[in-house]
C-alpha atoms as a PDB file:
ATOM      1  CA  GLN A   1     -45.384  -4.182 -66.142  1.00  0.00           C
ATOM      2  CA  VAL A   2     -44.286  -3.109 -62.675  1.00  0.00           C
ATOM      3  CA  GLN A   3     -41.361  -0.728 -62.358  1.00  0.00           C
ATOM      4  CA  LEU A   4     -39.721   0.791 -59.300  1.00  0.00           C
ATOM      5  CA  GLN A   5     -38.065   4.174 -59.741  1.00  0.00           C
ATOM      6  CA  GLU A   6     -35.609   5.490 -57.171  1.00  0.00           C
ATOM      7  CA  SER A   7     -34.701   9.145 -56.862  1.00  0.00           C
ATOM      8  CA  GLY A   8     -32.807  11.495 -54.581  1.00  0.00           C
ATOM      9  CA  GLY A   9     -29.289  10.098 -54.527  1.00  0.00           C
ATOM     10  CA  GLY A  10     -26.101  12.042 -55.060  1.00  0.00           C
ATOM     11  CA  LEU A  11     -23.013  13.381 -53.351  1.00  0.00           C
ATOM     12  CA  VAL A  12     -23.052  14.659 -49.789  1.00  0.00           C
ATOM     13  CA  GLN A  13     -20.423  15.493 -47.206  1.00  0.00           C
ATOM     14  CA  ALA A  14     -20.018  13.418 -44.096  1.00  0.00           C
ATOM     15  CA  GLY A  15     -22.536  14.455 -41.492  1.00  0.00           C
ATOM     16  CA  GLY A  16     -25.006  15.582 -44.120  1.00  0.00           C
ATOM     17  CA  SER A  17     -28.438  14.293 -45.061  1.00  0.00           C
ATOM     18  CA  LEU A  18     -30.178  12.852 -48.087  1.00  0.00           C
ATOM     19  CA  SER A  19     -33.757  11.833 -48.737  1.00  0.00           C
ATOM     20  CA  LEU A  20     -34.429   9.030 -51.159  1.00  0.00           C
ATOM     21  CA  SER A  21     -37.738   7.931 -52.575  1.00  0.00           C
ATOM     22  CA  CYS A  22     -38.970   4.949 -54.524  1.00  0.00           C
ATOM     23  CA  ALA A  23     -42.232   4.881 -56.395  1.00  0.00           C
ATOM     24  CA  ALA A  24     -43.886   1.968 -58.128  1.00  0.00           C
ATOM     25  CA  SER A  25     -45.717   2.154 -61.408  1.00  0.00           C
ATOM     26  CA  GLY A  26     -47.963  -0.477 -62.862  1.00  0.00           C
ATOM     27  CA  SER A  27     -50.340  -2.886 -61.199  1.00  0.00           C
ATOM     28  CA  ILE A  28     -48.362  -3.890 -58.152  1.00  0.00           C
ATOM     29  CA  GLY A  29     -51.031  -5.192 -55.783  1.00  0.00           C
ATOM     30  CA  SER A  30     -50.759  -5.127 -52.021  1.00  0.00           C
ATOM     31  CA  ILE A  31     -47.160  -4.908 -50.843  1.00  0.00           C
ATOM     32  CA  ASN A  32     -46.289  -6.507 -47.511  1.00  0.00           C
ATOM     33  CA  LEU A  33     -42.822  -5.107 -47.149  1.00  0.00           C
ATOM     34  CA  MET A  34     -41.108  -2.071 -48.618  1.00  0.00           C
ATOM     35  CA  GLY A  35     -37.423  -1.768 -48.057  1.00  0.00           C
ATOM     36  CA  TRP A  36     -34.083  -0.395 -49.043  1.00  0.00           C
ATOM     37  CA  TYR A  37     -30.916  -2.367 -49.614  1.00  0.00           C
ATOM     38  CA  ARG A  38     -27.458  -1.171 -50.467  1.00  0.00           C
ATOM     39  CA  GLN A  39     -24.373  -2.608 -52.071  1.00  0.00           C
ATOM     40  CA  ALA A  40     -20.912  -1.150 -51.799  1.00  0.00           C
ATOM     41  CA  PRO A  41     -18.107  -2.213 -54.156  1.00  0.00           C
ATOM     42  CA  GLY A  42     -16.838  -5.636 -53.199  1.00  0.00           C
ATOM     43  CA  ASN A  43     -19.621  -6.174 -50.680  1.00  0.00           C
ATOM     44  CA  GLN A  44     -22.819  -8.160 -50.712  1.00  0.00           C
ATOM     45  CA  ARG A  45     -26.155  -6.445 -50.925  1.00  0.00           C
ATOM     46  CA  GLU A  46     -27.465  -5.760 -47.441  1.00  0.00           C
ATOM     47  CA  LEU A  47     -30.791  -4.702 -46.005  1.00  0.00           C
ATOM     48  CA  VAL A  48     -30.715  -1.136 -44.704  1.00  0.00           C
ATOM     49  CA  ALA A  49     -34.290  -0.442 -43.645  1.00  0.00           C
ATOM     50  CA  ALA A  50     -37.750  -1.878 -44.175  1.00  0.00           C
ATOM     51  CA  VAL A  51     -41.326  -1.109 -43.223  1.00  0.00           C
ATOM     52  CA  THR A  52     -44.280  -3.483 -43.224  1.00  0.00           C
ATOM     53  CA  SER A  53     -47.781  -2.684 -44.394  1.00  0.00           C
ATOM     54  CA  GLY A  54     -48.714  -2.355 -40.725  1.00  0.00           C
ATOM     55  CA  GLY A  55     -46.018   0.207 -40.100  1.00  0.00           C
ATOM     56  CA  TYR A  56     -43.459  -1.954 -38.294  1.00  0.00           C
ATOM     57  CA  LYS A  57     -39.960  -0.708 -39.091  1.00  0.00           C
ATOM     58  CA  SER A  58     -36.602  -2.414 -38.924  1.00  0.00           C
ATOM     59  CA  TYR A  59     -33.088  -1.135 -39.508  1.00  0.00           C
ATOM     60  CA  ALA A  60     -29.591  -2.460 -39.923  1.00  0.00           C
ATOM     61  CA  ASP A  61     -27.543  -1.869 -36.783  1.00  0.00           C
ATOM     62  CA  SER A  62     -25.176   0.339 -38.747  1.00  0.00           C
ATOM     63  CA  VAL A  63     -27.907   2.899 -39.519  1.00  0.00           C
ATOM     64  CA  LYS A  64     -30.057   2.813 -36.393  1.00  0.00           C
ATOM     65  CA  GLY A  65     -30.586   6.287 -35.020  1.00  0.00           C
ATOM     66  CA  ARG A  66     -29.514   7.894 -38.286  1.00  0.00           C
ATOM     67  CA  PHE A  67     -31.946   6.606 -40.919  1.00  0.00           C
ATOM     68  CA  ALA A  68     -35.743   6.717 -40.825  1.00  0.00           C
ATOM     69  CA  VAL A  69     -37.983   4.901 -43.289  1.00  0.00           C
ATOM     70  CA  SER A  70     -41.621   5.624 -44.070  1.00  0.00           C
ATOM     71  CA  ARG A  71     -44.122   4.523 -46.674  1.00  0.00           C
ATOM     72  CA  HIS A  72     -47.242   5.851 -48.353  1.00  0.00           C
ATOM     73  CA  ASN A  73     -49.410   2.863 -49.169  1.00  0.00           C
ATOM     74  CA  ALA A  74     -51.838   4.642 -51.455  1.00  0.00           C
ATOM     75  CA  LYS A  75     -48.981   5.990 -53.553  1.00  0.00           C
ATOM     76  CA  ASN A  76     -46.892   2.793 -53.384  1.00  0.00           C
ATOM     77  CA  THR A  77     -43.941   4.871 -52.306  1.00  0.00           C
ATOM     78  CA  VAL A  78     -41.249   4.367 -49.696  1.00  0.00           C
ATOM     79  CA  TYR A  79     -38.962   7.078 -48.338  1.00  0.00           C
ATOM     80  CA  PRO A  80     -35.759   6.729 -46.331  1.00  0.00           C
ATOM     81  CA  GLN A  81     -34.480   9.848 -44.630  1.00  0.00           C
ATOM     82  CA  MET A  82     -30.754   9.503 -44.087  1.00  0.00           C
ATOM     83  CA  ASP A  83     -29.085  11.781 -41.554  1.00  0.00           C
ATOM     84  CA  GLY A  84     -25.608  11.817 -40.104  1.00  0.00           C
ATOM     85  CA  LEU A  85     -24.215  10.192 -43.223  1.00  0.00           C
ATOM     86  CA  LYS A  86     -20.792   8.578 -43.035  1.00  0.00           C
ATOM     87  CA  PRO A  87     -18.313   7.662 -45.784  1.00  0.00           C
ATOM     88  CA  GLU A  88     -19.098   4.005 -45.124  1.00  0.00           C
ATOM     89  CA  ASP A  89     -22.693   4.670 -46.203  1.00  0.00           C
ATOM     90  CA  THR A  90     -21.409   5.118 -49.752  1.00  0.00           C
ATOM     91  CA  ALA A  91     -23.137   2.523 -51.914  1.00  0.00           C
ATOM     92  CA  VAL A  92     -25.721   1.912 -54.577  1.00  0.00           C
ATOM     93  CA  TYR A  93     -29.108   1.884 -52.878  1.00  0.00           C
ATOM     94  CA  PHE A  94     -31.901  -0.334 -54.186  1.00  0.00           C
ATOM     95  CA  CYS A  95     -35.540  -0.281 -53.239  1.00  0.00           C
ATOM     96  CA  ASN A  96     -37.436  -3.526 -52.904  1.00  0.00           C
ATOM     97  CA  PHE A  97     -41.140  -4.227 -52.732  1.00  0.00           C
ATOM     98  CA  HIS A  98     -42.089  -7.666 -51.477  1.00  0.00           C
ATOM     99  CA  ARG A  99     -45.270  -9.647 -51.271  1.00  0.00           C
ATOM    100  CA  VAL A 100     -45.679 -13.378 -50.970  1.00  0.00           C
ATOM    101  CA  GLY A 101     -43.911 -15.022 -53.863  1.00  0.00           C
ATOM    102  CA  VAL A 102     -42.884 -11.813 -55.600  1.00  0.00           C
ATOM    103  CA  ASP A 103     -40.007  -9.363 -55.280  1.00  0.00           C
ATOM    104  CA  TYR A 104     -39.703  -6.142 -57.249  1.00  0.00           C
ATOM    105  CA  TRP A 105     -36.412  -4.267 -57.460  1.00  0.00           C
ATOM    106  CA  GLY A 106     -35.404  -0.827 -58.561  1.00  0.00           C
ATOM    107  CA  LYS A 107     -32.317  -0.328 -60.719  1.00  0.00           C
ATOM    108  CA  GLY A 108     -30.413   1.357 -57.909  1.00  0.00           C
ATOM    109  CA  ILE A 109     -29.251   4.858 -57.140  1.00  0.00           C
ATOM    110  CA  LEU A 110     -25.787   5.957 -56.094  1.00  0.00           C
ATOM    111  CA  VAL A 111     -25.162   7.665 -52.771  1.00  0.00           C
ATOM    112  CA  THR A 112     -21.639   8.981 -52.219  1.00  0.00           C
ATOM    113  CA  VAL A 113     -20.537  10.399 -48.880  1.00  0.00           C
ATOM    114  CA  SER A 114     -17.282  12.324 -48.912  1.00  0.00           C
ATOM    115  CA  SER A 115     -15.074  12.636 -45.858  1.00  0.00           C
END
């Protein structure tokens, strides 16, 4: 059974940094896309950052220039580095691993940015 485990969340002051990680366990196969989503109270889940197996990266406009995502294919792990955090970045962050026909989700990890 495949499981995704997020780690690294917590409380940080505005302007600070956090590093998250998400590791997969189980037989997951080849993952095309590894990404991070977030959901704030009352909001829909939104894509924050993603990286393809070939290394192409994409970011939500709201985090461009502040967040950087990377992946380690052999370890089935994806890492977002979040700098310059703002109170509006407060949300539950979910990692997602996608390949054709299959999506795996982590349970989510809370990031709180205080002003």
